[in-house]
Amino acid sequence: MKLFNRKQHTLDLEKIEARLAAAMQPVSPRAEFVSDLRARLLKSAPAPSPTLQLDIAGKANIPRGWLVAGGVAGSAVMLIIGLRGLLSIVGLIGLLLQRRQSEEPLPATSPAH
């Protein structure tokens, strides 16, 4: 059972579009209406705010030395955090192995007679 026939649906839309195109003719607005609308819109619009001008090609506000120092410091912190995480994982593995070795083996069971 087909619930939705795509081809029929597309044909219906094309018929509707053709009927709308025939019924609706484009209208040019009067010049007085356009000028009045423009004046009202400009009157109700907020005043333009001064924009911030960025001088990308000029000198940067932050000296290059501070940027390099920040990059080096950030890299060092990331390295320390990585080593700390690695050390934590190695320590956890060591604790698990130590606990496994210290457990006493289960006593052997004797066969039932």
PDB file of N, CA and C in Angstrom:
ATOM      1  N   MET A   1       0.846  -1.172   0.000  1.00  0.00           N
ATOM      2  CA  MET A   1       0.000   0.000   0.000  1.00  0.00           C
ATOM      3  C   MET A   1       0.892   1.235   0.000  1.00  0.00           C
ATOM      4  N   LYS A   2       0.694   2.114  -0.960  1.00  0.00           N
ATOM      5  CA  LYS A   2       1.461   3.348  -1.043  1.00  0.00           C
ATOM      6  C   LYS A   2       0.719   4.444  -0.293  1.00  0.00           C
ATOM      7  N   LEU A   3       1.425   5.021   0.681  1.00  0.00           N
ATOM      8  CA  LEU A   3       0.822   6.112   1.431  1.00  0.00           C
ATOM      9  C   LEU A   3       1.128   7.462   0.801  1.00  0.00           C
ATOM     10  N   PHE A   4       2.216   7.528   0.068  1.00  0.00           N
ATOM     11  CA  PHE A   4       2.643   8.807  -0.473  1.00  0.00           C
ATOM     12  C   PHE A   4       3.208   8.584  -1.868  1.00  0.00           C
ATOM     13  N   ASN A   5       2.596   9.206  -2.837  1.00  0.00           N
ATOM     14  CA  ASN A   5       3.057   9.090  -4.215  1.00  0.00           C
ATOM     15  C   ASN A   5       3.788  10.376  -4.567  1.00  0.00           C
ATOM     16  N   ARG A   6       5.097  10.310  -4.606  1.00  0.00           N
ATOM     17  CA  ARG A   6       5.921  11.503  -4.808  1.00  0.00           C
ATOM     18  C   ARG A   6       5.666  12.135  -6.177  1.00  0.00           C
ATOM     19  N   LYS A   7       5.516  11.333  -7.207  1.00  0.00           N
ATOM     20  CA  LYS A   7       5.320  11.873  -8.543  1.00  0.00           C
ATOM     21  C   LYS A   7       4.006  12.646  -8.611  1.00  0.00           C
ATOM     22  N   GLN A   8       2.938  12.089  -8.049  1.00  0.00           N
ATOM     23  CA  GLN A   8       1.636  12.753  -8.049  1.00  0.00           C
ATOM     24  C   GLN A   8       1.711  14.045  -7.233  1.00  0.00           C
ATOM     25  N   HIS A   9       2.409  13.993  -6.122  1.00  0.00           N
ATOM     26  CA  HIS A   9       2.558  15.175  -5.264  1.00  0.00           C
ATOM     27  C   HIS A   9       3.282  16.298  -6.011  1.00  0.00           C
ATOM     28  N   THR A  10       4.336  15.959  -6.736  1.00  0.00           N
ATOM     29  CA  THR A  10       5.079  16.953  -7.501  1.00  0.00           C
ATOM     30  C   THR A  10       4.205  17.548  -8.607  1.00  0.00           C
ATOM     31  N   LEU A  11       3.427  16.732  -9.263  1.00  0.00           N
ATOM     32  CA  LEU A  11       2.539  17.240 -10.310  1.00  0.00           C
ATOM     33  C   LEU A  11       1.500  18.183  -9.727  1.00  0.00           C
ATOM     34  N   ASP A  12       0.964  17.869  -8.566  1.00  0.00           N
ATOM     35  CA  ASP A  12      -0.004  18.751  -7.919  1.00  0.00           C
ATOM     36  C   ASP A  12       0.618  20.104  -7.610  1.00  0.00           C
ATOM     37  N   LEU A  13       1.843  20.097  -7.116  1.00  0.00           N
ATOM     38  CA  LEU A  13       2.521  21.368  -6.810  1.00  0.00           C
ATOM     39  C   LEU A  13       2.761  22.183  -8.069  1.00  0.00           C
ATOM     40  N   GLU A  14       3.094  21.519  -9.139  1.00  0.00           N
ATOM     41  CA  GLU A  14       3.320  22.236 -10.400  1.00  0.00           C
ATOM     42  C   GLU A  14       2.023  22.862 -10.900  1.00  0.00           C
ATOM     43  N   LYS A  15       0.896  22.173 -10.747  1.00  0.00           N
ATOM     44  CA  LYS A  15      -0.400  22.730 -11.146  1.00  0.00           C
ATOM     45  C   LYS A  15      -0.742  23.948 -10.294  1.00  0.00           C
ATOM     46  N   ILE A  16      -0.496  23.838  -9.005  1.00  0.00           N
ATOM     47  CA  ILE A  16      -0.775  24.965  -8.102  1.00  0.00           C
ATOM     48  C   ILE A  16       0.097  26.157  -8.463  1.00  0.00           C
ATOM     49  N   GLU A  17       1.379  25.899  -8.745  1.00  0.00           N
ATOM     50  CA  GLU A  17       2.298  26.973  -9.102  1.00  0.00           C
ATOM     51  C   GLU A  17       1.856  27.663 -10.398  1.00  0.00           C
ATOM     52  N   ALA A  18       1.426  26.888 -11.369  1.00  0.00           N
ATOM     53  CA  ALA A  18       0.974  27.470 -12.634  1.00  0.00           C
ATOM     54  C   ALA A  18      -0.276  28.319 -12.436  1.00  0.00           C
ATOM     55  N   ARG A  19      -1.211  27.854 -11.607  1.00  0.00           N
ATOM     56  CA  ARG A  19      -2.431  28.629 -11.346  1.00  0.00           C
ATOM     57  C   ARG A  19      -2.113  29.924 -10.600  1.00  0.00           C
ATOM     58  N   LEU A  20      -1.185  29.852  -9.638  1.00  0.00           N
ATOM     59  CA  LEU A  20      -0.812  31.060  -8.910  1.00  0.00           C
ATOM     60  C   LEU A  20      -0.114  32.061  -9.821  1.00  0.00           C
ATOM     61  N   ALA A  21       0.753  31.577 -10.701  1.00  0.00           N
ATOM     62  CA  ALA A  21       1.453  32.473 -11.624  1.00  0.00           C
ATOM     63  C   ALA A  21       0.474  33.162 -12.567  1.00  0.00           C
ATOM     64  N   ALA A  22      -0.576  32.459 -12.973  1.00  0.00           N
ATOM     65  CA  ALA A  22      -1.558  33.058 -13.876  1.00  0.00           C
ATOM     66  C   ALA A  22      -2.456  34.054 -13.138  1.00  0.00           C
ATOM     67  N   ALA A  23      -2.763  33.770 -11.888  1.00  0.00           N
ATOM     68  CA  ALA A  23      -3.692  34.616 -11.134  1.00  0.00           C
ATOM     69  C   ALA A  23      -3.012  35.847 -10.541  1.00  0.00           C
ATOM     70  N   MET A  24      -1.744  35.741 -10.192  1.00  0.00           N
ATOM     71  CA  MET A  24      -1.064  36.844  -9.499  1.00  0.00           C
ATOM     72  C   MET A  24      -0.124  37.542 -10.462  1.00  0.00           C
ATOM     73  N   GLN A  25      -0.423  38.763 -10.753  1.00  0.00           N
ATOM     74  CA  GLN A  25       0.413  39.570 -11.642  1.00  0.00           C
ATOM     75  C   GLN A  25       1.311  40.470 -10.792  1.00  0.00           C
ATOM     76  N   PRO A  26       2.575  40.653 -11.183  1.00  0.00           N
ATOM     77  CA  PRO A  26       3.467  41.519 -10.403  1.00  0.00           C
ATOM     78  C   PRO A  26       2.965  42.966 -10.406  1.00  0.00           C
ATOM     79  N   VAL A  27       3.150  43.614  -9.262  1.00  0.00           N
ATOM     80  CA  VAL A  27       2.685  44.992  -9.085  1.00  0.00           C
ATOM     81  C   VAL A  27       3.881  45.862  -8.745  1.00  0.00           C
ATOM     82  N   SER A  28       3.982  47.015  -9.373  1.00  0.00           N
ATOM     83  CA  SER A  28       5.032  47.973  -9.045  1.00  0.00           C
ATOM     84  C   SER A  28       4.476  48.970  -8.038  1.00  0.00           C
ATOM     85  N   PRO A  29       5.193  49.217  -6.943  1.00  0.00           N
ATOM     86  CA  PRO A  29       4.687  50.167  -5.950  1.00  0.00           C
ATOM     87  C   PRO A  29       4.804  51.601  -6.472  1.00  0.00           C
ATOM     88  N   ARG A  30       3.910  52.457  -5.965  1.00  0.00           N
ATOM     89  CA  ARG A  30       3.951  53.871  -6.333  1.00  0.00           C
ATOM     90  C   ARG A  30       5.216  54.510  -5.773  1.00  0.00           C
ATOM     91  N   ALA A  31       5.721  55.498  -6.442  1.00  0.00           N
ATOM     92  CA  ALA A  31       6.945  56.183  -6.010  1.00  0.00           C
ATOM     93  C   ALA A  31       6.743  56.878  -4.666  1.00  0.00           C
ATOM     94  N   GLU A  32       5.528  57.437  -4.417  1.00  0.00           N
ATOM     95  CA  GLU A  32       5.264  58.103  -3.134  1.00  0.00           C
ATOM     96  C   GLU A  32       5.319  57.100  -1.993  1.00  0.00           C
ATOM     97  N   PHE A  33       4.774  55.894  -2.236  1.00  0.00           N
ATOM     98  CA  PHE A  33       4.784  54.863  -1.195  1.00  0.00           C
ATOM     99  C   PHE A  33       6.215  54.453  -0.855  1.00  0.00           C
ATOM    100  N   VAL A  34       7.041  54.272  -1.873  1.00  0.00           N
ATOM    101  CA  VAL A  34       8.422  53.861  -1.656  1.00  0.00           C
ATOM    102  C   VAL A  34       9.185  54.931  -0.884  1.00  0.00           C
ATOM    103  N   SER A  35       9.034  56.190  -1.262  1.00  0.00           N
ATOM    104  CA  SER A  35       9.771  57.251  -0.575  1.00  0.00           C
ATOM    105  C   SER A  35       9.271  57.425   0.852  1.00  0.00           C
ATOM    106  N   ASP A  36       7.956  57.307   1.076  1.00  0.00           N
ATOM    107  CA  ASP A  36       7.414  57.419   2.434  1.00  0.00           C
ATOM    108  C   ASP A  36       7.895  56.263   3.303  1.00  0.00           C
ATOM    109  N   LEU A  37       7.877  55.052   2.762  1.00  0.00           N
ATOM    110  CA  LEU A  37       8.342  53.888   3.516  1.00  0.00           C
ATOM    111  C   LEU A  37       9.820  54.015   3.862  1.00  0.00           C
ATOM    112  N   ARG A  38      10.619  54.475   2.903  1.00  0.00           N
ATOM    113  CA  ARG A  38      12.050  54.655   3.162  1.00  0.00           C
ATOM    114  C   ARG A  38      12.275  55.678   4.272  1.00  0.00           C
ATOM    115  N   ALA A  39      11.535  56.781   4.225  1.00  0.00           N
ATOM    116  CA  ALA A  39      11.688  57.827   5.243  1.00  0.00           C
ATOM    117  C   ALA A  39      11.294  57.299   6.621  1.00  0.00           C
ATOM    118  N   ARG A  40      10.188  56.554   6.694  1.00  0.00           N
ATOM    119  CA  ARG A  40       9.752  56.005   7.992  1.00  0.00           C
ATOM    120  C   ARG A  40      10.755  54.984   8.534  1.00  0.00           C
ATOM    121  N   LEU A  41      11.294  54.155   7.668  1.00  0.00           N
ATOM    122  CA  LEU A  41      12.266  53.162   8.122  1.00  0.00           C
ATOM    123  C   LEU A  41      13.542  53.829   8.619  1.00  0.00           C
ATOM    124  N   LEU A  42      14.021  54.832   7.891  1.00  0.00           N
ATOM    125  CA  LEU A  42      15.223  55.536   8.328  1.00  0.00           C
ATOM    126  C   LEU A  42      14.994  56.285   9.628  1.00  0.00           C
ATOM    127  N   LYS A  43      13.797  56.803   9.817  1.00  0.00           N
ATOM    128  CA  LYS A  43      13.471  57.533  11.044  1.00  0.00           C
ATOM    129  C   LYS A  43      13.420  56.591  12.244  1.00  0.00           C
ATOM    130  N   SER A  44      12.893  55.382  12.049  1.00  0.00           N
ATOM    131  CA  SER A  44      12.749  54.453  13.175  1.00  0.00           C
ATOM    132  C   SER A  44      14.006  53.632  13.432  1.00  0.00           C
ATOM    133  N   ALA A  45      14.950  53.644  12.510  1.00  0.00           N
ATOM    134  CA  ALA A  45      16.181  52.864  12.694  1.00  0.00           C
ATOM    135  C   ALA A  45      17.064  53.524  13.734  1.00  0.00           C
ATOM    136  N   PRO A  46      17.787  52.719  14.522  1.00  0.00           N
ATOM    137  CA  PRO A  46      18.699  53.316  15.501  1.00  0.00           C
ATOM    138  C   PRO A  46      19.866  54.002  14.805  1.00  0.00           C
ATOM    139  N   ALA A  47      20.427  54.983  15.506  1.00  0.00           N
ATOM    140  CA  ALA A  47      21.563  55.723  14.947  1.00  0.00           C
ATOM    141  C   ALA A  47      22.756  54.785  14.811  1.00  0.00           C
ATOM    142  N   PRO A  48      23.526  54.927  13.764  1.00  0.00           N
ATOM    143  CA  PRO A  48      24.686  54.044  13.608  1.00  0.00           C
ATOM    144  C   PRO A  48      25.703  54.300  14.711  1.00  0.00           C
ATOM    145  N   SER A  49      26.194  53.217  15.290  1.00  0.00           N
ATOM    146  CA  SER A  49      27.187  53.346  16.350  1.00  0.00           C
ATOM    147  C   SER A  49      28.573  53.413  15.736  1.00  0.00           C
ATOM    148  N   PRO A  50      29.494  54.101  16.402  1.00  0.00           N
ATOM    149  CA  PRO A  50      30.854  54.160  15.857  1.00  0.00           C
ATOM    150  C   PRO A  50      31.465  52.753  15.884  1.00  0.00           C
ATOM    151  N   THR A  51      32.121  52.403  14.826  1.00  0.00           N
ATOM    152  CA  THR A  51      32.697  51.067  14.735  1.00  0.00           C
ATOM    153  C   THR A  51      34.127  51.072  15.234  1.00  0.00           C
ATOM    154  N   LEU A  52      34.535  49.947  15.730  1.00  0.00           N
ATOM    155  CA  LEU A  52      35.901  49.779  16.206  1.00  0.00           C
ATOM    156  C   LEU A  52      36.785  49.434  15.019  1.00  0.00           C
ATOM    157  N   GLN A  53      37.775  50.241  14.800  1.00  0.00           N
ATOM    158  CA  GLN A  53      38.688  49.996  13.693  1.00  0.00           C
ATOM    159  C   GLN A  53      39.874  49.177  14.196  1.00  0.00           C
ATOM    160  N   LEU A  54      40.118  48.053  13.555  1.00  0.00           N
ATOM    161  CA  LEU A  54      41.249  47.215  13.915  1.00  0.00           C
ATOM    162  C   LEU A  54      42.352  47.410  12.896  1.00  0.00           C
ATOM    163  N   ASP A  55      43.533  47.658  13.382  1.00  0.00           N
ATOM    164  CA  ASP A  55      44.682  47.834  12.501  1.00  0.00           C
ATOM    165  C   ASP A  55      45.455  46.528  12.477  1.00  0.00           C
ATOM    166  N   ILE A  56      45.073  45.652  11.563  1.00  0.00           N
ATOM    167  CA  ILE A  56      45.706  44.343  11.497  1.00  0.00           C
ATOM    168  C   ILE A  56      47.109  44.455  10.903  1.00  0.00           C
ATOM    169  N   ALA A  57      47.267  45.299   9.925  1.00  0.00           N
ATOM    170  CA  ALA A  57      48.557  45.405   9.255  1.00  0.00           C
ATOM    171  C   ALA A  57      49.570  46.165  10.106  1.00  0.00           C
ATOM    172  N   GLY A  58      49.084  47.003  11.030  1.00  0.00           N
ATOM    173  CA  GLY A  58      49.993  47.800  11.853  1.00  0.00           C
ATOM    174  C   GLY A  58      50.600  46.994  12.980  1.00  0.00           C
ATOM    175  N   LYS A  59      51.208  47.685  13.931  1.00  0.00           N
ATOM    176  CA  LYS A  59      51.836  47.011  15.055  1.00  0.00           C
ATOM    177  C   LYS A  59      50.767  46.398  15.957  1.00  0.00           C
ATOM    178  N   ALA A  60      51.080  45.255  16.492  1.00  0.00           N
ATOM    179  CA  ALA A  60      50.164  44.590  17.416  1.00  0.00           C
ATOM    180  C   ALA A  60      50.245  45.280  18.776  1.00  0.00           C
ATOM    181  N   ASN A  61      49.157  45.224  19.516  1.00  0.00           N
ATOM    182  CA  ASN A  61      49.135  45.832  20.842  1.00  0.00           C
ATOM    183  C   ASN A  61      50.004  45.060  21.828  1.00  0.00           C
ATOM    184  N   ILE A  62      50.137  43.759  21.635  1.00  0.00           N
ATOM    185  CA  ILE A  62      50.925  42.925  22.536  1.00  0.00           C
ATOM    186  C   ILE A  62      52.275  42.665  21.881  1.00  0.00           C
ATOM    187  N   PRO A  63      53.356  42.942  22.599  1.00  0.00           N
ATOM    188  CA  PRO A  63      54.683  42.673  22.016  1.00  0.00           C
ATOM    189  C   PRO A  63      54.853  41.183  21.721  1.00  0.00           C
ATOM    190  N   ARG A  64      55.617  40.905  20.692  1.00  0.00           N
ATOM    191  CA  ARG A  64      55.815  39.517  20.257  1.00  0.00           C
ATOM    192  C   ARG A  64      56.459  38.670  21.350  1.00  0.00           C
ATOM    193  N   GLY A  65      57.319  39.254  22.169  1.00  0.00           N
ATOM    194  CA  GLY A  65      57.987  38.511  23.253  1.00  0.00           C
ATOM    195  C   GLY A  65      56.995  37.919  24.235  1.00  0.00           C
ATOM    196  N   TRP A  66      55.956  38.688  24.569  1.00  0.00           N
ATOM    197  CA  TRP A  66      54.940  38.175  25.499  1.00  0.00           C
ATOM    198  C   TRP A  66      54.163  37.019  24.872  1.00  0.00           C
ATOM    199  N   LEU A  67      53.909  37.097  23.581  1.00  0.00           N
ATOM    200  CA  LEU A  67      53.206  36.005  22.909  1.00  0.00           C
ATOM    201  C   LEU A  67      54.045  34.734  22.898  1.00  0.00           C
ATOM    202  N   VAL A  68      55.334  34.878  22.631  1.00  0.00           N
ATOM    203  CA  VAL A  68      56.225  33.712  22.628  1.00  0.00           C
ATOM    204  C   VAL A  68      56.317  33.133  24.038  1.00  0.00           C
ATOM    205  N   ALA A  69      56.464  33.998  25.042  1.00  0.00           N
ATOM    206  CA  ALA A  69      56.549  33.526  26.424  1.00  0.00           C
ATOM    207  C   ALA A  69      55.271  32.797  26.829  1.00  0.00           C
ATOM    208  N   GLY A  70      54.126  33.327  26.417  1.00  0.00           N
ATOM    209  CA  GLY A  70      52.858  32.657  26.721  1.00  0.00           C
ATOM    210  C   GLY A  70      52.758  31.304  26.053  1.00  0.00           C
ATOM    211  N   GLY A  71      53.224  31.214  24.811  1.00  0.00           N
ATOM    212  CA  GLY A  71      53.214  29.931  24.111  1.00  0.00           C
ATOM    213  C   GLY A  71      54.119  28.908  24.766  1.00  0.00           C
ATOM    214  N   VAL A  72      55.310  29.343  25.182  1.00  0.00           N
ATOM    215  CA  VAL A  72      56.245  28.437  25.853  1.00  0.00           C
ATOM    216  C   VAL A  72      55.675  27.990  27.195  1.00  0.00           C
ATOM    217  N   ALA A  73      55.116  28.931  27.959  1.00  0.00           N
ATOM    218  CA  ALA A  73      54.550  28.584  29.264  1.00  0.00           C
ATOM    219  C   ALA A  73      53.369  27.626  29.106  1.00  0.00           C
ATOM    220  N   GLY A  74      52.507  27.880  28.128  1.00  0.00           N
ATOM    221  CA  GLY A  74      51.372  26.991  27.895  1.00  0.00           C
ATOM    222  C   GLY A  74      51.817  25.599  27.484  1.00  0.00           C
ATOM    223  N   SER A  75      52.838  25.525  26.646  1.00  0.00           N
ATOM    224  CA  SER A  75      53.370  24.222  26.234  1.00  0.00           C
ATOM    225  C   SER A  75      53.970  23.477  27.419  1.00  0.00           C
ATOM    226  N   ALA A  76      54.687  24.192  28.288  1.00  0.00           N
ATOM    227  CA  ALA A  76      55.287  23.555  29.465  1.00  0.00           C
ATOM    228  C   ALA A  76      54.200  23.019  30.396  1.00  0.00           C
ATOM    229  N   VAL A  77      53.142  23.786  30.579  1.00  0.00           N
ATOM    230  CA  VAL A  77      52.048  23.328  31.440  1.00  0.00           C
ATOM    231  C   VAL A  77      51.391  22.091  30.841  1.00  0.00           C
ATOM    232  N   MET A  78      51.166  22.078  29.549  1.00  0.00           N
ATOM    233  CA  MET A  78      50.569  20.909  28.903  1.00  0.00           C
ATOM    234  C   MET A  78      51.474  19.686  29.034  1.00  0.00           C
ATOM    235  N   LEU A  79      52.790  19.869  28.923  1.00  0.00           N
ATOM    236  CA  LEU A  79      53.736  18.769  29.073  1.00  0.00           C
ATOM    237  C   LEU A  79      53.693  18.221  30.498  1.00  0.00           C
ATOM    238  N   ILE A  80      53.670  19.099  31.483  1.00  0.00           N
ATOM    239  CA  ILE A  80      53.614  18.674  32.883  1.00  0.00           C
ATOM    240  C   ILE A  80      52.315  17.924  33.164  1.00  0.00           C
ATOM    241  N   ILE A  81      51.201  18.420  32.648  1.00  0.00           N
ATOM    242  CA  ILE A  81      49.917  17.752  32.861  1.00  0.00           C
ATOM    243  C   ILE A  81      49.931  16.374  32.201  1.00  0.00           C
ATOM    244  N   GLY A  82      50.498  16.264  31.019  1.00  0.00           N
ATOM    245  CA  GLY A  82      50.586  14.971  30.341  1.00  0.00           C
ATOM    246  C   GLY A  82      51.443  13.986  31.115  1.00  0.00           C
ATOM    247  N   LEU A  83      52.606  14.438  31.615  1.00  0.00           N
ATOM    248  CA  LEU A  83      53.469  13.560  32.400  1.00  0.00           C
ATOM    249  C   LEU A  83      52.789  13.138  33.698  1.00  0.00           C
ATOM    250  N   ARG A  84      52.074  14.048  34.319  1.00  0.00           N
ATOM    251  CA  ARG A  84      51.365  13.716  35.558  1.00  0.00           C
ATOM    252  C   ARG A  84      50.297  12.649  35.296  1.00  0.00           C
ATOM    253  N   GLY A  85      49.564  12.794  34.189  1.00  0.00           N
ATOM    254  CA  GLY A  85      48.565  11.794  33.841  1.00  0.00           C
ATOM    255  C   GLY A  85      49.194  10.444  33.555  1.00  0.00           C
ATOM    256  N   LEU A  86      50.308  10.450  32.826  1.00  0.00           N
ATOM    257  CA  LEU A  86      51.007   9.205  32.526  1.00  0.00           C
ATOM    258  C   LEU A  86      51.514   8.549  33.809  1.00  0.00           C
ATOM    259  N   LEU A  87      52.064   9.335  34.723  1.00  0.00           N
ATOM    260  CA  LEU A  87      52.545   8.809  35.999  1.00  0.00           C
ATOM    261  C   LEU A  87      51.396   8.233  36.816  1.00  0.00           C
ATOM    262  N   SER A  88      50.241   8.862  36.784  1.00  0.00           N
ATOM    263  CA  SER A  88      49.083   8.343  37.504  1.00  0.00           C
ATOM    264  C   SER A  88      48.645   7.001  36.943  1.00  0.00           C
ATOM    265  N   ILE A  89      48.647   6.865  35.633  1.00  0.00           N
ATOM    266  CA  ILE A  89      48.251   5.593  35.011  1.00  0.00           C
ATOM    267  C   ILE A  89      49.254   4.498  35.356  1.00  0.00           C
ATOM    268  N   VAL A  90      50.555   4.808  35.305  1.00  0.00           N
ATOM    269  CA  VAL A  90      51.579   3.821  35.650  1.00  0.00           C
ATOM    270  C   VAL A  90      51.451   3.427  37.116  1.00  0.00           C
ATOM    271  N   GLY A  91      51.195   4.383  38.002  1.00  0.00           N
ATOM    272  CA  GLY A  91      51.010   4.082  39.419  1.00  0.00           C
ATOM    273  C   GLY A  91      49.801   3.203  39.668  1.00  0.00           C
ATOM    274  N   LEU A  92      48.714   3.461  38.956  1.00  0.00           N
ATOM    275  CA  LEU A  92      47.509   2.646  39.101  1.00  0.00           C
ATOM    276  C   LEU A  92      47.769   1.215  38.645  1.00  0.00           C
ATOM    277  N   ILE A  93      48.471   1.063  37.537  1.00  0.00           N
ATOM    278  CA  ILE A  93      48.800  -0.283  37.052  1.00  0.00           C
ATOM    279  C   ILE A  93      49.691  -0.999  38.069  1.00  0.00           C
ATOM    280  N   GLY A  94      50.656  -0.288  38.643  1.00  0.00           N
ATOM    281  CA  GLY A  94      51.534  -0.883  39.656  1.00  0.00           C
ATOM    282  C   GLY A  94      50.752  -1.321  40.882  1.00  0.00           C
ATOM    283  N   LEU A  95      49.811  -0.506  41.360  1.00  0.00           N
ATOM    284  CA  LEU A  95      48.989  -0.884  42.511  1.00  0.00           C
ATOM    285  C   LEU A  95      48.150  -2.121  42.212  1.00  0.00           C
ATOM    286  N   LEU A  96      47.578  -2.176  41.016  1.00  0.00           N
ATOM    287  CA  LEU A  96      46.760  -3.333  40.657  1.00  0.00           C
ATOM    288  C   LEU A  96      47.603  -4.600  40.586  1.00  0.00           C
ATOM    289  N   LEU A  97      48.813  -4.507  40.018  1.00  0.00           N
ATOM    290  CA  LEU A  97      49.687  -5.679  39.948  1.00  0.00           C
ATOM    291  C   LEU A  97      50.142  -6.112  41.331  1.00  0.00           C
ATOM    292  N   GLN A  98      50.467  -5.163  42.197  1.00  0.00           N
ATOM    293  CA  GLN A  98      50.899  -5.485  43.557  1.00  0.00           C
ATOM    294  C   GLN A  98      49.765  -6.158  44.324  1.00  0.00           C
ATOM    295  N   ARG A  99      48.571  -5.676  44.184  1.00  0.00           N
ATOM    296  CA  ARG A  99      47.426  -6.263  44.878  1.00  0.00           C
ATOM    297  C   ARG A  99      47.163  -7.675  44.358  1.00  0.00           C
ATOM    298  N   ARG A 100      47.333  -7.860  43.068  1.00  0.00           N
ATOM    299  CA  ARG A 100      47.089  -9.178  42.479  1.00  0.00           C
ATOM    300  C   ARG A 100      48.112 -10.200  42.975  1.00  0.00           C
ATOM    301  N   GLN A 101      49.373  -9.765  43.116  1.00  0.00           N
ATOM    302  CA  GLN A 101      50.421 -10.679  43.579  1.00  0.00           C
ATOM    303  C   GLN A 101      50.300 -10.986  45.063  1.00  0.00           C
ATOM    304  N   SER A 102      49.782 -10.066  45.866  1.00  0.00           N
ATOM    305  CA  SER A 102      49.703 -10.278  47.312  1.00  0.00           C
ATOM    306  C   SER A 102      48.503 -11.127  47.713  1.00  0.00           C
ATOM    307  N   GLU A 103      47.576 -11.332  46.834  1.00  0.00           N
ATOM    308  CA  GLU A 103      46.434 -12.180  47.161  1.00  0.00           C
ATOM    309  C   GLU A 103      46.894 -13.627  47.318  1.00  0.00           C
ATOM    310  N   GLU A 104      46.372 -14.294  48.342  1.00  0.00           N
ATOM    311  CA  GLU A 104      46.735 -15.682  48.556  1.00  0.00           C
ATOM    312  C   GLU A 104      45.937 -16.547  47.594  1.00  0.00           C
ATOM    313  N   PRO A 105      46.582 -17.564  47.070  1.00  0.00           N
ATOM    314  CA  PRO A 105      45.844 -18.429  46.172  1.00  0.00           C
ATOM    315  C   PRO A 105      44.780 -19.217  46.941  1.00  0.00           C
ATOM    316  N   LEU A 106      43.745 -19.595  46.275  1.00  0.00           N
ATOM    317  CA  LEU A 106      42.674 -20.361  46.890  1.00  0.00           C
ATOM    318  C   LEU A 106      43.187 -21.770  47.214  1.00  0.00           C
ATOM    319  N   PRO A 107      42.774 -22.318  48.357  1.00  0.00           N
ATOM    320  CA  PRO A 107      43.243 -23.675  48.691  1.00  0.00           C
ATOM    321  C   PRO A 107      42.669 -24.695  47.709  1.00  0.00           C
ATOM    322  N   ALA A 108      43.442 -25.708  47.441  1.00  0.00           N
ATOM    323  CA  ALA A 108      42.995 -26.757  46.547  1.00  0.00           C
ATOM    324  C   ALA A 108      41.900 -27.556  47.232  1.00  0.00           C
ATOM    325  N   THR A 109      40.917 -27.897  46.497  1.00  0.00           N
ATOM    326  CA  THR A 109      39.829 -28.690  47.065  1.00  0.00           C
ATOM    327  C   THR A 109      40.114 -30.157  46.849  1.00  0.00           C
ATOM    328  N   SER A 110      39.723 -30.938  47.824  1.00  0.00           N
ATOM    329  CA  SER A 110      39.924 -32.376  47.693  1.00  0.00           C
ATOM    330  C   SER A 110      38.740 -33.002  47.003  1.00  0.00           C
ATOM    331  N   PRO A 111      38.982 -34.011  46.204  1.00  0.00           N
ATOM    332  CA  PRO A 111      37.855 -34.628  45.512  1.00  0.00           C
ATOM    333  C   PRO A 111      36.929 -35.341  46.494  1.00  0.00           C
ATOM    334  N   ALA A 112      35.659 -35.309  46.231  1.00  0.00           N
ATOM    335  CA  ALA A 112      34.669 -35.951  47.088  1.00  0.00           C
ATOM    336  C   ALA A 112      34.787 -37.457  46.972  1.00  0.00           C
ATOM    337  N   HIS A 113      34.653 -38.201  48.110  1.00  0.00           N
ATOM    338  CA  HIS A 113      34.772 -39.659  48.089  1.00  0.00           C
ATOM    339  C   HIS A 113      33.457 -40.301  47.992  1.00  0.00           C
TER     340      HIS A 113
END
